[in-house]
Amino acid sequence: RCEASADALAHDSAAEALIPARFDRLKEVPSNVPDAADYRTRTEWNVRDSDATVVFSLASELTGGTLLTKELAEKYRKPFLHLVYERSMYDSKAKQLTEFVQKHRVRNLNVAGPRASGGGTRLSGFTSVVLDAAFGKY
């Protein structure tokens, strides 16, 4: 089973409070680390320290932090998957994610996405459902 970082489920200042309890193995960069308040540092560390990255989003075009995530995956030569929300397509997205993880033998998966304010409940719901379907309920 792979572990994941928590970016797609928690992006605000109270990040840890936003991570659903069932994802208790998700980890965020510690806040007491120098430069951890800067999302670019957290993003780079998450990409660098994982085997692969999946970005969940509502739009097909990556911008801001999600674009940075992709660029960093390329810089560190890490496998990258972008899953775009499509109503009623959760099972196929979960299958894509499962195949991606298996193909690249991922043990540490960086789960990322735009800030919660950019997609709110729909994005976090999409992320949670796909992760549950791909990896089972924690």
N, C-alpha and C. Protein backbone atom coordinates (compact mmCIF):
# COMPACT_ATOMS: atom_id res chain seq x y z
N ARG A 1 0.84 -1.18 0.00
CA ARG A 1 0.00 0.00 0.00
C ARG A 1 0.88 1.24 0.00
N CYS A 2 0.49 2.27 -0.73
CA CYS A 2 1.34 3.45 -0.78
C CYS A 2 0.87 4.48 0.23
N GLU A 3 1.76 5.36 0.62
CA GLU A 3 1.44 6.48 1.48
C GLU A 3 1.36 7.71 0.61
N ALA A 4 0.75 8.75 1.12
CA ALA A 4 0.58 9.95 0.32
C ALA A 4 0.77 11.19 1.16
N SER A 5 1.11 12.29 0.50
CA SER A 5 1.10 13.57 1.18
C SER A 5 -0.30 14.13 1.07
N ALA A 6 -0.58 15.17 1.79
CA ALA A 6 -1.96 15.57 1.99
C ALA A 6 -2.44 16.77 1.20
N ASP A 7 -1.70 17.24 0.24
CA ASP A 7 -2.04 18.50 -0.40
C ASP A 7 -3.44 18.60 -0.99
N ALA A 8 -3.92 17.59 -1.64
CA ALA A 8 -5.22 17.69 -2.31
C ALA A 8 -6.38 17.71 -1.33
N LEU A 9 -6.17 17.21 -0.13
CA LEU A 9 -7.24 17.19 0.86
C LEU A 9 -7.17 18.34 1.83
N ALA A 10 -6.04 18.99 1.95
CA ALA A 10 -5.89 20.04 2.94
C ALA A 10 -4.93 21.10 2.44
N HIS A 11 -5.45 22.29 2.16
CA HIS A 11 -4.59 23.33 1.60
C HIS A 11 -4.66 24.65 2.33
N ASP A 12 -5.41 24.73 3.39
CA ASP A 12 -5.52 26.01 4.07
C ASP A 12 -4.64 26.01 5.31
N SER A 13 -4.63 27.12 6.04
CA SER A 13 -3.72 27.24 7.17
C SER A 13 -3.97 26.18 8.23
N ALA A 14 -5.18 25.72 8.37
CA ALA A 14 -5.50 24.66 9.32
C ALA A 14 -5.50 23.33 8.60
N ALA A 15 -4.46 23.08 7.83
CA ALA A 15 -4.41 21.92 6.94
C ALA A 15 -4.68 20.61 7.66
N GLU A 16 -4.04 20.38 8.78
CA GLU A 16 -4.21 19.10 9.44
C GLU A 16 -5.65 18.86 9.86
N ALA A 17 -6.37 19.92 10.22
CA ALA A 17 -7.75 19.77 10.64
C ALA A 17 -8.65 19.40 9.47
N LEU A 18 -8.21 19.66 8.23
CA LEU A 18 -9.02 19.39 7.05
C LEU A 18 -8.83 17.97 6.52
N ILE A 19 -7.81 17.27 6.97
CA ILE A 19 -7.55 15.92 6.47
C ILE A 19 -8.50 14.95 7.16
N PRO A 20 -9.35 14.27 6.41
CA PRO A 20 -10.28 13.31 7.03
C PRO A 20 -9.52 12.26 7.83
N ALA A 21 -10.08 11.87 8.96
CA ALA A 21 -9.42 10.94 9.89
C ALA A 21 -9.03 9.63 9.20
N ARG A 22 -9.81 9.18 8.23
CA ARG A 22 -9.50 7.89 7.61
C ARG A 22 -8.20 7.93 6.80
N PHE A 23 -7.69 9.13 6.52
CA PHE A 23 -6.43 9.27 5.80
C PHE A 23 -5.31 9.59 6.80
N ASP A 24 -5.30 8.89 7.92
CA ASP A 24 -4.36 9.19 8.99
C ASP A 24 -2.90 8.94 8.61
N ARG A 25 -2.64 8.25 7.51
CA ARG A 25 -1.26 8.02 7.09
C ARG A 25 -0.74 9.14 6.19
N LEU A 26 -1.61 10.08 5.83
CA LEU A 26 -1.16 11.21 5.02
C LEU A 26 -0.28 12.11 5.87
N LYS A 27 0.74 12.68 5.25
CA LYS A 27 1.67 13.53 5.97
C LYS A 27 1.80 14.86 5.25
N GLU A 28 1.98 15.92 6.00
CA GLU A 28 2.23 17.25 5.46
C GLU A 28 3.62 17.66 5.93
N VAL A 29 4.28 18.54 5.17
CA VAL A 29 5.58 19.06 5.59
C VAL A 29 5.39 19.75 6.93
N PRO A 30 6.21 19.45 7.94
CA PRO A 30 6.06 20.08 9.26
C PRO A 30 6.14 21.60 9.18
N SER A 31 5.31 22.28 9.94
CA SER A 31 5.26 23.74 9.89
C SER A 31 6.48 24.39 10.55
N ASN A 32 7.22 23.65 11.38
CA ASN A 32 8.37 24.24 12.04
C ASN A 32 9.65 24.17 11.19
N VAL A 33 9.56 23.66 9.99
CA VAL A 33 10.70 23.59 9.09
C VAL A 33 10.88 24.95 8.42
N PRO A 34 12.14 25.46 8.34
CA PRO A 34 12.36 26.75 7.67
C PRO A 34 11.75 26.75 6.26
N ASP A 35 11.10 27.82 5.92
CA ASP A 35 10.47 28.04 4.61
C ASP A 35 9.23 27.17 4.37
N ALA A 36 8.76 26.42 5.38
CA ALA A 36 7.60 25.55 5.18
C ALA A 36 6.32 26.34 4.92
N ALA A 37 6.28 27.59 5.34
CA ALA A 37 5.09 28.40 5.09
C ALA A 37 4.94 28.73 3.60
N ASP A 38 6.02 28.66 2.87
CA ASP A 38 5.99 28.94 1.44
C ASP A 38 5.53 27.70 0.68
N TYR A 39 4.40 27.80 -0.02
CA TYR A 39 3.86 26.63 -0.71
C TYR A 39 4.84 26.05 -1.72
N ARG A 40 5.70 26.88 -2.28
CA ARG A 40 6.67 26.37 -3.27
C ARG A 40 7.65 25.39 -2.61
N THR A 41 8.05 25.71 -1.40
CA THR A 41 8.96 24.81 -0.67
C THR A 41 8.25 23.50 -0.36
N ARG A 42 7.03 23.59 0.18
CA ARG A 42 6.26 22.37 0.50
C ARG A 42 6.03 21.54 -0.75
N THR A 43 5.69 22.20 -1.84
CA THR A 43 5.44 21.49 -3.09
C THR A 43 6.70 20.78 -3.56
N GLU A 44 7.81 21.47 -3.54
CA GLU A 44 9.06 20.86 -3.99
C GLU A 44 9.42 19.66 -3.12
N TRP A 45 9.31 19.81 -1.82
CA TRP A 45 9.65 18.70 -0.93
C TRP A 45 8.72 17.52 -1.15
N ASN A 46 7.44 17.79 -1.32
CA ASN A 46 6.48 16.70 -1.55
C ASN A 46 6.80 15.94 -2.82
N VAL A 47 7.12 16.66 -3.89
CA VAL A 47 7.47 16.00 -5.15
C VAL A 47 8.80 15.26 -5.01
N ARG A 48 9.78 15.94 -4.48
CA ARG A 48 11.13 15.35 -4.34
C ARG A 48 11.12 14.08 -3.48
N ASP A 49 10.35 14.10 -2.40
CA ASP A 49 10.38 13.01 -1.43
C ASP A 49 9.40 11.88 -1.72
N SER A 50 8.69 11.95 -2.82
CA SER A 50 7.74 10.91 -3.18
C SER A 50 8.25 10.13 -4.39
N ASP A 51 7.61 9.00 -4.66
CA ASP A 51 7.95 8.21 -5.83
C ASP A 51 7.26 8.72 -7.09
N ALA A 52 6.09 9.34 -6.90
CA ALA A 52 5.28 9.84 -8.02
C ALA A 52 4.27 10.84 -7.46
N THR A 53 3.64 11.58 -8.37
CA THR A 53 2.65 12.58 -7.99
C THR A 53 1.38 12.41 -8.80
N VAL A 54 0.24 12.56 -8.13
CA VAL A 54 -1.05 12.66 -8.80
C VAL A 54 -1.65 14.01 -8.41
N VAL A 55 -2.14 14.75 -9.41
CA VAL A 55 -2.83 16.01 -9.18
C VAL A 55 -4.30 15.80 -9.50
N PHE A 56 -5.16 16.16 -8.57
CA PHE A 56 -6.61 16.15 -8.77
C PHE A 56 -7.03 17.59 -9.02
N SER A 57 -7.86 17.81 -10.05
CA SER A 57 -8.34 19.17 -10.31
C SER A 57 -9.69 19.15 -11.00
N LEU A 58 -10.30 20.32 -11.06
CA LEU A 58 -11.58 20.47 -11.75
C LEU A 58 -11.38 20.91 -13.20
N ALA A 59 -10.20 21.41 -13.53
CA ALA A 59 -9.92 21.93 -14.87
C ALA A 59 -8.77 21.17 -15.50
N SER A 60 -8.80 21.07 -16.81
CA SER A 60 -7.75 20.35 -17.52
C SER A 60 -6.45 21.14 -17.60
N GLU A 61 -6.54 22.47 -17.49
CA GLU A 61 -5.34 23.31 -17.56
C GLU A 61 -4.76 23.49 -16.16
N LEU A 62 -3.47 23.21 -16.03
CA LEU A 62 -2.79 23.41 -14.76
C LEU A 62 -2.27 24.84 -14.69
N THR A 63 -2.44 25.47 -13.53
CA THR A 63 -1.96 26.82 -13.30
C THR A 63 -1.40 26.91 -11.89
N GLY A 64 -0.69 27.97 -11.60
CA GLY A 64 -0.22 28.23 -10.24
C GLY A 64 0.55 27.07 -9.63
N GLY A 65 0.14 26.68 -8.44
CA GLY A 65 0.82 25.62 -7.70
C GLY A 65 0.73 24.26 -8.36
N THR A 66 -0.38 23.97 -9.05
CA THR A 66 -0.48 22.66 -9.71
C THR A 66 0.45 22.59 -10.92
N LEU A 67 0.62 23.71 -11.61
CA LEU A 67 1.59 23.75 -12.71
C LEU A 67 3.01 23.60 -12.15
N LEU A 68 3.29 24.27 -11.04
CA LEU A 68 4.59 24.12 -10.40
C LEU A 68 4.83 22.66 -10.03
N THR A 69 3.81 21.99 -9.52
CA THR A 69 3.94 20.58 -9.16
C THR A 69 4.36 19.74 -10.36
N LYS A 70 3.72 19.97 -11.50
CA LYS A 70 4.07 19.23 -12.72
C LYS A 70 5.51 19.54 -13.15
N GLU A 71 5.88 20.81 -13.10
CA GLU A 71 7.23 21.20 -13.50
C GLU A 71 8.28 20.57 -12.58
N LEU A 72 7.97 20.50 -11.29
CA LEU A 72 8.90 19.87 -10.35
C LEU A 72 9.00 18.37 -10.56
N ALA A 73 7.88 17.74 -10.90
CA ALA A 73 7.91 16.30 -11.22
C ALA A 73 8.82 16.07 -12.41
N GLU A 74 8.74 16.94 -13.41
CA GLU A 74 9.64 16.83 -14.57
C GLU A 74 11.08 17.06 -14.15
N LYS A 75 11.32 18.07 -13.32
CA LYS A 75 12.68 18.38 -12.86
C LYS A 75 13.30 17.18 -12.13
N TYR A 76 12.51 16.54 -11.26
CA TYR A 76 13.02 15.40 -10.49
C TYR A 76 12.81 14.06 -11.19
N ARG A 77 12.30 14.12 -12.41
CA ARG A 77 12.05 12.91 -13.22
C ARG A 77 11.17 11.91 -12.47
N LYS A 78 10.08 12.43 -11.94
CA LYS A 78 9.13 11.61 -11.19
C LYS A 78 7.88 11.42 -12.05
N PRO A 79 7.30 10.23 -12.01
CA PRO A 79 6.04 10.01 -12.74
C PRO A 79 4.96 10.98 -12.25
N PHE A 80 4.13 11.42 -13.18
CA PHE A 80 3.10 12.43 -12.89
C PHE A 80 1.80 12.03 -13.56
N LEU A 81 0.70 12.15 -12.83
CA LEU A 81 -0.63 11.87 -13.36
C LEU A 81 -1.56 13.01 -12.98
N HIS A 82 -2.31 13.51 -13.95
CA HIS A 82 -3.29 14.57 -13.70
C HIS A 82 -4.68 13.98 -13.90
N LEU A 83 -5.48 13.96 -12.84
CA LEU A 83 -6.86 13.46 -12.91
C LEU A 83 -7.82 14.64 -12.83
N VAL A 84 -8.61 14.81 -13.88
CA VAL A 84 -9.56 15.92 -13.96
C VAL A 84 -10.95 15.41 -13.61
N TYR A 85 -11.64 16.16 -12.77
CA TYR A 85 -13.00 15.81 -12.35
C TYR A 85 -13.92 15.66 -13.56
N GLU A 86 -14.64 14.56 -13.58
CA GLU A 86 -15.72 14.34 -14.55
C GLU A 86 -16.83 13.65 -13.78
N ARG A 87 -18.00 14.21 -13.83
CA ARG A 87 -19.14 13.64 -13.11
C ARG A 87 -19.34 12.18 -13.53
N SER A 88 -19.54 11.33 -12.56
CA SER A 88 -19.81 9.89 -12.76
C SER A 88 -18.65 9.11 -13.36
N MET A 89 -17.44 9.65 -13.30
CA MET A 89 -16.28 8.95 -13.86
C MET A 89 -15.30 8.53 -12.77
N TYR A 90 -15.76 8.45 -11.54
CA TYR A 90 -14.87 8.14 -10.42
C TYR A 90 -14.19 6.78 -10.59
N ASP A 91 -14.95 5.78 -11.03
CA ASP A 91 -14.36 4.44 -11.16
C ASP A 91 -13.23 4.41 -12.19
N SER A 92 -13.42 5.08 -13.31
CA SER A 92 -12.36 5.08 -14.32
C SER A 92 -11.15 5.87 -13.84
N LYS A 93 -11.37 6.94 -13.07
CA LYS A 93 -10.25 7.71 -12.52
C LYS A 93 -9.50 6.86 -11.49
N ALA A 94 -10.24 6.11 -10.67
CA ALA A 94 -9.60 5.22 -9.68
C ALA A 94 -8.78 4.15 -10.39
N LYS A 95 -9.31 3.63 -11.49
CA LYS A 95 -8.58 2.61 -12.26
C LYS A 95 -7.30 3.21 -12.84
N GLN A 96 -7.40 4.42 -13.38
CA GLN A 96 -6.21 5.09 -13.91
C GLN A 96 -5.15 5.24 -12.82
N LEU A 97 -5.59 5.65 -11.64
CA LEU A 97 -4.66 5.86 -10.54
C LEU A 97 -4.03 4.55 -10.09
N THR A 98 -4.83 3.51 -9.96
CA THR A 98 -4.32 2.20 -9.56
C THR A 98 -3.29 1.70 -10.56
N GLU A 99 -3.60 1.80 -11.85
CA GLU A 99 -2.67 1.35 -12.89
C GLU A 99 -1.38 2.16 -12.87
N PHE A 100 -1.49 3.47 -12.65
CA PHE A 100 -0.34 4.36 -12.57
C PHE A 100 0.57 3.94 -11.41
N VAL A 101 -0.01 3.72 -10.25
CA VAL A 101 0.75 3.34 -9.05
C VAL A 101 1.44 1.99 -9.27
N GLN A 102 0.71 1.05 -9.87
CA GLN A 102 1.30 -0.27 -10.12
C GLN A 102 2.42 -0.20 -11.16
N LYS A 103 2.17 0.51 -12.24
CA LYS A 103 3.16 0.62 -13.32
C LYS A 103 4.48 1.19 -12.82
N HIS A 104 4.39 2.20 -11.95
CA HIS A 104 5.59 2.89 -11.48
C HIS A 104 6.07 2.38 -10.12
N ARG A 105 5.43 1.31 -9.63
CA ARG A 105 5.80 0.71 -8.34
C ARG A 105 5.90 1.75 -7.23
N VAL A 106 4.87 2.55 -7.13
CA VAL A 106 4.83 3.66 -6.18
C VAL A 106 4.55 3.16 -4.76
N ARG A 107 5.39 3.59 -3.84
CA ARG A 107 5.17 3.31 -2.42
C ARG A 107 4.80 4.60 -1.67
N ASN A 108 5.33 5.72 -2.13
CA ASN A 108 5.05 7.04 -1.56
C ASN A 108 4.45 7.91 -2.65
N LEU A 109 3.17 8.20 -2.56
CA LEU A 109 2.47 8.97 -3.59
C LEU A 109 2.19 10.38 -3.07
N ASN A 110 2.62 11.38 -3.83
CA ASN A 110 2.30 12.77 -3.53
C ASN A 110 0.93 13.06 -4.13
N VAL A 111 -0.06 13.35 -3.29
CA VAL A 111 -1.41 13.68 -3.74
C VAL A 111 -1.55 15.18 -3.65
N ALA A 112 -1.79 15.83 -4.79
CA ALA A 112 -1.80 17.29 -4.84
C ALA A 112 -3.02 17.79 -5.60
N GLY A 113 -3.22 19.10 -5.50
CA GLY A 113 -4.32 19.74 -6.21
C GLY A 113 -4.38 21.20 -5.85
N PRO A 114 -5.25 21.96 -6.51
CA PRO A 114 -5.36 23.39 -6.22
C PRO A 114 -5.89 23.60 -4.80
N ARG A 115 -5.68 24.79 -4.29
CA ARG A 115 -6.16 25.13 -2.95
C ARG A 115 -7.64 24.78 -2.81
N ALA A 116 -8.01 24.42 -1.60
CA ALA A 116 -9.41 24.05 -1.34
C ALA A 116 -10.36 25.17 -1.77
N SER A 117 -9.93 26.42 -1.65
CA SER A 117 -10.78 27.54 -2.05
C SER A 117 -11.04 27.54 -3.55
N GLY A 118 -10.21 26.83 -4.32
CA GLY A 118 -10.37 26.78 -5.77
C GLY A 118 -11.36 25.73 -6.24
N GLY A 119 -11.74 24.80 -5.41
CA GLY A 119 -12.65 23.76 -5.83
C GLY A 119 -13.59 23.30 -4.74
N GLY A 120 -13.25 23.66 -3.54
CA GLY A 120 -14.12 23.39 -2.41
C GLY A 120 -14.52 21.94 -2.25
N THR A 121 -15.75 21.75 -1.89
CA THR A 121 -16.30 20.44 -1.58
C THR A 121 -16.23 19.49 -2.75
N ARG A 122 -16.50 19.97 -3.94
CA ARG A 122 -16.50 19.09 -5.11
C ARG A 122 -15.12 18.47 -5.34
N LEU A 123 -14.06 19.27 -5.22
CA LEU A 123 -12.72 18.75 -5.44
C LEU A 123 -12.30 17.79 -4.33
N SER A 124 -12.54 18.15 -3.08
CA SER A 124 -12.14 17.26 -1.99
C SER A 124 -12.97 15.98 -2.02
N GLY A 125 -14.24 16.07 -2.41
CA GLY A 125 -15.07 14.88 -2.55
C GLY A 125 -14.57 13.97 -3.66
N PHE A 126 -14.25 14.56 -4.79
CA PHE A 126 -13.69 13.82 -5.93
C PHE A 126 -12.40 13.10 -5.51
N THR A 127 -11.51 13.84 -4.85
CA THR A 127 -10.24 13.27 -4.41
C THR A 127 -10.47 12.11 -3.45
N SER A 128 -11.32 12.31 -2.46
CA SER A 128 -11.58 11.27 -1.45
C SER A 128 -12.19 10.02 -2.07
N VAL A 129 -13.17 10.19 -2.94
CA VAL A 129 -13.83 9.04 -3.55
C VAL A 129 -12.86 8.25 -4.42
N VAL A 130 -12.04 8.93 -5.20
CA VAL A 130 -11.09 8.24 -6.07
C VAL A 130 -10.03 7.53 -5.24
N LEU A 131 -9.51 8.19 -4.20
CA LEU A 131 -8.52 7.53 -3.34
C LEU A 131 -9.12 6.31 -2.65
N ASP A 132 -10.36 6.43 -2.16
CA ASP A 132 -11.04 5.28 -1.53
C ASP A 132 -11.20 4.14 -2.52
N ALA A 133 -11.65 4.47 -3.74
CA ALA A 133 -11.87 3.42 -4.74
C ALA A 133 -10.56 2.77 -5.19
N ALA A 134 -9.49 3.56 -5.27
CA ALA A 134 -8.21 3.04 -5.73
C ALA A 134 -7.49 2.21 -4.66
N PHE A 135 -7.58 2.65 -3.43
CA PHE A 135 -6.76 2.03 -2.38
C PHE A 135 -7.56 1.44 -1.23
N GLY A 136 -8.89 1.51 -1.31
CA GLY A 136 -9.71 1.01 -0.22
C GLY A 136 -9.77 2.01 0.90
N LYS A 137 -10.71 1.85 1.74
CA LYS A 137 -10.87 2.76 2.87
C LYS A 137 -9.77 2.48 3.89
N TYR A 138 -9.13 3.54 4.31
CA TYR A 138 -8.06 3.41 5.29
C TYR A 138 -8.68 3.01 6.61
